[in-house]
Protein backbone atom coordinates (compact mmCIF):
# COMPACT_ATOMS: atom_id res chain seq x y z
CA UNK A 1 -20.26 -14.62 10.25
CA UNK A 2 -18.87 -17.94 9.43
CA UNK A 3 -18.47 -19.62 12.88
CA UNK A 4 -17.47 -22.79 11.56
CA UNK A 5 -14.53 -20.73 9.67
CA UNK A 6 -13.54 -18.74 13.08
CA UNK A 7 -13.61 -22.21 15.06
CA UNK A 8 -10.95 -23.66 12.21
CA UNK A 9 -8.81 -20.62 12.73
CA UNK A 10 -9.52 -21.20 16.50
CA UNK A 11 -8.20 -24.67 16.42
CA UNK A 12 -5.02 -23.62 14.48
CA UNK A 13 -4.05 -20.94 17.06
CA UNK A 14 -4.21 -23.34 19.82
CA UNK A 15 -2.22 -25.89 18.17
CA UNK A 16 0.20 -24.33 15.80
CA UNK A 17 2.64 -21.58 16.16
CA UNK A 18 1.67 -18.55 13.95
CA UNK A 19 2.69 -15.31 13.08
CA UNK A 20 1.09 -11.77 13.26
CA UNK A 21 -0.60 -12.74 9.58
CA UNK A 22 -1.26 -15.96 8.10
CA UNK A 23 -3.08 -17.62 5.19
CA UNK A 24 -5.82 -19.97 5.79
CA UNK A 25 -7.55 -22.78 3.13
CA UNK A 26 -11.07 -23.29 4.54
CA UNK A 27 -13.86 -25.00 2.53
CA UNK A 28 -11.89 -24.52 -0.78
CA UNK A 29 -11.71 -20.45 -0.03
CA UNK A 30 -8.25 -18.46 0.66
CA UNK A 31 -8.29 -16.37 3.64
CA UNK A 32 -6.02 -14.18 5.81
CA UNK A 33 -6.36 -13.54 9.11
CA UNK A 34 -4.38 -10.84 11.03
CA UNK A 35 -3.59 -10.74 14.68
CA UNK A 36 -3.46 -8.33 17.61
CA UNK A 37 0.23 -9.03 18.26
CA UNK A 38 3.68 -7.35 17.49
CA UNK A 39 5.54 -8.09 14.54
CA UNK A 40 9.07 -7.64 16.52
CA UNK A 41 9.52 -4.11 14.78
CA UNK A 42 10.66 -1.21 16.84
CA UNK A 43 8.07 -0.14 19.46
CA UNK A 44 9.31 3.87 18.02
CA UNK A 45 7.86 2.47 14.52
CA UNK A 46 4.70 0.55 16.19
CA UNK A 47 4.07 1.67 19.69
CA UNK A 48 0.88 -0.14 20.53
CA UNK A 49 -0.11 -3.46 18.51
CA UNK A 50 -3.39 -3.09 20.03
CA UNK A 51 -4.04 0.41 19.02
CA UNK A 52 -2.98 -0.66 15.36
CA UNK A 53 -5.34 -3.05 15.46
CA UNK A 54 -8.17 -1.47 16.45
CA UNK A 55 -7.47 1.32 14.23
CA UNK A 56 -7.22 -0.91 11.12
CA UNK A 57 -10.27 -2.74 12.09
CA UNK A 58 -12.31 0.39 12.32
CA UNK A 59 -10.38 2.01 9.04
CA UNK A 60 -11.28 -0.94 6.63
CA UNK A 61 -14.93 -1.10 8.26
CA UNK A 62 -15.08 2.52 7.52
CA UNK A 63 -13.77 2.57 3.72
CA UNK A 64 -16.15 -0.35 2.58
CA UNK A 65 -19.20 2.32 3.29
CA UNK A 66 -17.24 4.83 0.73
CA UNK A 67 -15.25 2.58 -1.66
CA UNK A 68 -14.20 -1.09 -2.36
CA UNK A 69 -11.10 -0.10 -1.75
CA UNK A 70 -10.19 -1.94 1.74
CA UNK A 71 -11.11 -5.93 2.34
CA UNK A 72 -14.18 -6.95 3.69
CA UNK A 73 -13.72 -8.54 7.22
CA UNK A 74 -15.57 -11.91 6.69
CA UNK A 75 -15.34 -12.67 10.69
CA UNK A 76 -13.54 -11.83 13.73
CA UNK A 77 -12.45 -12.24 17.34
CA UNK A 78 -11.02 -9.84 19.91
CA UNK A 79 -7.65 -10.67 19.19
CA UNK A 80 -7.74 -11.52 15.34
CA UNK A 81 -9.64 -10.70 11.98
CA UNK A 82 -10.49 -12.14 8.82
CA UNK A 83 -10.05 -11.00 5.05
CA UNK A 84 -10.54 -13.06 1.76
CA UNK A 85 -7.37 -13.61 -0.36
CA UNK A 86 -7.82 -11.03 -2.97
CA UNK A 87 -4.87 -11.59 -5.06
CA UNK A 88 -1.37 -11.13 -5.63
CA UNK A 89 0.62 -7.34 -4.88
CA UNK A 90 1.68 -4.75 -7.04
CA UNK A 91 5.54 -6.05 -6.20
CA UNK A 92 4.29 -9.43 -8.08
CA UNK A 93 2.79 -7.86 -11.13
CA UNK A 94 5.47 -5.29 -11.90
CA UNK A 95 8.27 -8.01 -12.13
CA UNK A 96 6.08 -10.29 -13.76
CA UNK A 97 6.62 -9.01 -17.55
CA UNK A 98 10.72 -9.41 -16.67
CA UNK A 99 10.24 -12.73 -15.44
CA UNK A 100 8.04 -13.51 -18.47
CA UNK A 101 9.73 -11.37 -21.74
CA UNK A 102 8.00 -14.00 -24.07
CA UNK A 103 4.37 -12.75 -23.18
CA UNK A 104 4.35 -9.41 -24.65
CA UNK A 105 0.58 -8.73 -22.73
CA UNK A 106 2.07 -9.03 -19.80
CA UNK A 107 3.93 -5.28 -20.01
CA UNK A 108 0.52 -3.78 -21.18
CA UNK A 109 -1.60 -5.58 -18.22
CA UNK A 110 1.23 -4.21 -15.53
CA UNK A 111 0.88 -0.48 -17.21
CA UNK A 112 -3.08 -1.09 -16.65
CA UNK A 113 -2.57 -1.97 -13.06
CA UNK A 114 -0.82 0.62 -12.03
CA UNK A 115 -2.99 3.00 -13.94
CA UNK A 116 -5.76 1.45 -11.84
CA UNK A 117 -4.07 1.81 -8.89
CA UNK A 118 -3.49 5.95 -9.54
CA UNK A 119 -6.91 6.29 -10.18
CA UNK A 120 -8.15 4.24 -6.90
CA UNK A 121 -5.78 6.43 -4.88
CA UNK A 122 -6.99 9.65 -6.44
CA UNK A 123 -10.82 8.46 -5.80
CA UNK A 124 -9.72 7.50 -2.36
CA UNK A 125 -8.24 11.03 -1.82
CA UNK A 126 -11.07 12.80 -3.36
CA UNK A 127 -13.03 11.03 -0.44
CA UNK A 128 -10.70 12.64 2.07
CA UNK A 129 -9.48 9.42 3.04
CA UNK A 130 -5.84 8.43 3.20
CA UNK A 131 -4.30 4.96 3.23
CA UNK A 132 -1.03 5.75 5.53
CA UNK A 133 1.40 3.72 3.63
CA UNK A 134 0.32 2.75 0.15
CA UNK A 135 3.82 0.46 -0.59
CA UNK A 136 3.35 -1.90 -3.64
CA UNK A 137 3.69 -5.03 -0.92
CA UNK A 138 0.14 -3.82 0.36
CA UNK A 139 -1.58 -3.13 -3.07
CA UNK A 140 -3.11 -5.93 -4.91
CA UNK A 141 -4.95 -6.94 -8.01
CA UNK A 142 -7.72 -9.67 -8.59
CA UNK A 143 -7.50 -10.09 -12.44
CA UNK A 144 -10.89 -11.62 -12.05
CA UNK A 145 -12.65 -8.43 -11.04
CA UNK A 146 -10.43 -6.41 -12.63
CA UNK A 147 -9.94 -4.13 -9.44
CA UNK A 148 -7.24 -3.18 -6.62
CA UNK A 149 -7.21 -3.44 -3.43
CA UNK A 150 -5.25 -1.68 -0.42
CA UNK A 151 -4.29 -3.87 2.43
CA UNK A 152 -2.73 -2.87 6.06
CA UNK A 153 -4.70 0.02 6.98
CA UNK A 154 -3.05 0.26 11.02
CA UNK A 155 -1.06 3.06 9.85
CA UNK A 156 -1.56 5.90 12.25
CA UNK A 157 -0.10 9.13 11.41
CA UNK A 158 2.36 10.18 9.03
CA UNK A 159 6.32 10.31 10.14
CA UNK A 160 6.66 13.77 8.62
CA UNK A 161 3.89 15.75 10.00
CA UNK A 162 3.99 18.40 7.57
CA UNK A 163 2.35 16.35 4.90
CA UNK A 164 -1.32 16.11 4.43
CA UNK A 165 -2.36 12.78 4.93
CA UNK A 166 -2.80 12.55 1.02
CA UNK A 167 0.47 13.70 0.19
CA UNK A 168 2.17 11.32 2.54
CA UNK A 169 0.39 8.40 0.56
CA UNK A 170 1.91 9.91 -2.78
CA UNK A 171 4.87 10.23 -1.26
CA UNK A 172 5.10 6.89 0.35
CA UNK A 173 3.65 4.91 -2.96
CA UNK A 174 6.47 6.75 -5.26
CA UNK A 175 9.22 6.17 -2.55
CA UNK A 176 7.93 2.44 -2.64
CA UNK A 177 7.82 1.92 -6.29
CA UNK A 178 11.66 3.52 -6.68
CA UNK A 179 12.47 1.32 -4.07
CA UNK A 180 12.18 -1.80 -5.95
CA UNK A 181 15.08 -0.56 -8.06
CA UNK A 182 14.12 -2.41 -11.21
CA UNK A 183 10.81 -1.42 -12.38
CA UNK A 184 10.27 0.71 -15.39
CA UNK A 185 9.18 4.32 -15.05
CA UNK A 186 6.44 3.60 -17.57
CA UNK A 187 4.85 1.97 -14.41
CA UNK A 188 4.95 4.72 -12.42
CA UNK A 189 4.12 7.46 -14.78
CA UNK A 190 0.92 4.80 -15.44
CA UNK A 191 0.25 5.26 -11.67
CA UNK A 192 0.33 9.17 -11.89
CA UNK A 193 -1.61 9.54 -15.09
CA UNK A 194 -4.59 7.29 -13.24
CA UNK A 195 -4.13 9.57 -9.96
CA UNK A 196 -4.04 13.09 -11.93
CA UNK A 197 -8.12 11.81 -12.77
CA UNK A 198 -8.60 12.93 -9.21
CA UNK A 199 -10.19 16.39 -8.37
CA UNK A 200 -7.33 16.89 -5.64
CA UNK A 201 -4.52 15.47 -7.55
CA UNK A 202 -2.94 18.61 -8.51
CA UNK A 203 -3.17 20.25 -5.44
CA UNK A 204 -1.59 17.08 -3.90
CA UNK A 205 1.12 17.10 -6.19
CA UNK A 206 2.01 20.91 -5.87
CA UNK A 207 1.84 20.21 -1.83
CA UNK A 208 4.30 17.09 -1.85
CA UNK A 209 6.74 19.40 -4.40
CA UNK A 210 6.70 22.49 -1.72
CA UNK A 211 7.24 20.47 1.47
CA UNK A 212 10.28 18.75 -0.28
CA UNK A 213 11.75 21.90 -1.91
CA UNK A 214 11.70 23.53 1.55
CA UNK A 215 13.64 20.54 2.70
CA UNK A 216 15.84 20.13 -0.27
CA UNK A 217 19.14 20.49 2.31
CA UNK A 218 18.10 16.92 3.66
CA UNK A 219 18.00 15.67 0.06
CA UNK A 220 21.15 17.43 -0.41
CA UNK A 221 22.98 15.32 2.18
CA UNK A 222 21.07 11.97 0.75
CA UNK A 223 23.23 12.63 -2.25
CA UNK A 224 26.20 11.85 -0.25
CA UNK A 225 24.85 8.57 0.79
CA UNK A 226 22.91 7.79 -2.15
CA UNK A 227 25.04 4.67 -3.22
CA UNK A 228 25.15 3.28 0.37
CA UNK A 229 21.87 2.73 1.13
CA UNK A 230 19.05 1.54 -0.53
CA UNK A 231 16.36 4.08 1.13
CA UNK A 232 18.60 7.01 0.70
CA UNK A 233 18.93 6.19 -2.97
CA UNK A 234 15.34 5.61 -3.25
CA UNK A 235 14.70 9.22 -1.37
CA UNK A 236 16.85 11.08 -4.15
CA UNK A 237 15.15 9.25 -6.80
CA UNK A 238 11.80 9.99 -5.35
CA UNK A 239 12.87 13.96 -4.81
CA UNK A 240 13.90 13.78 -8.21
CA UNK A 241 11.04 12.50 -10.03
CA UNK A 242 8.32 14.69 -8.08
CA UNK A 243 10.10 17.74 -8.56
CA UNK A 244 9.95 16.92 -12.59
CA UNK A 245 6.25 16.16 -12.34
CA UNK A 246 4.37 18.63 -14.74
CA UNK A 247 1.25 20.14 -13.10
CA UNK A 248 -0.35 22.35 -16.02
């Protein structure tokens, strides 16, 4: 453990008003610090910041014993831990081709990144592990290592208990992607193609289809509100996308 890094962070915490998660540059290296404090969200969404922090600390260490898909904790104190900065998230890479249309290689790179994530999520599920909320902002890509990493392992359980953890992961990722509103579906299909390499992929997709089909009346109601709220619009489009997936 890098004690000098931790002492530097202790000094910043004692002298600056810092948030729950904040970046740090130390000796030329970039890190993120996460603290065991709340983030001003509803207590219904996150009832115990300490429990979430402890769960995330355990999950990140456990996952790294199986797969390199969780950040390495390079230092910690009782109320915070430190991880390297692994790169930009999938929201950034998904929008990059639109922001630089003159560079045709960026489209292929984005497809590759989303495929790599789908394959990584499938590997995770094949190991019997789920992330809990794999939203685009919590998935990062390191171009130097050509690897993806999942951040924010603090989610304790699925909001919708009928879903298996893997099924919930898949639904949340699809909803997160569609909620962006302006990303081409080629990226989403690339992710699903990557995911299809998992042994559990077919059963997981069928499970999500079944649960959503049983609650199709909820999505009929959402269609009435589809243009009013971004989340309901994304929910309806996610339902349609999942029901349209082929499993044969």
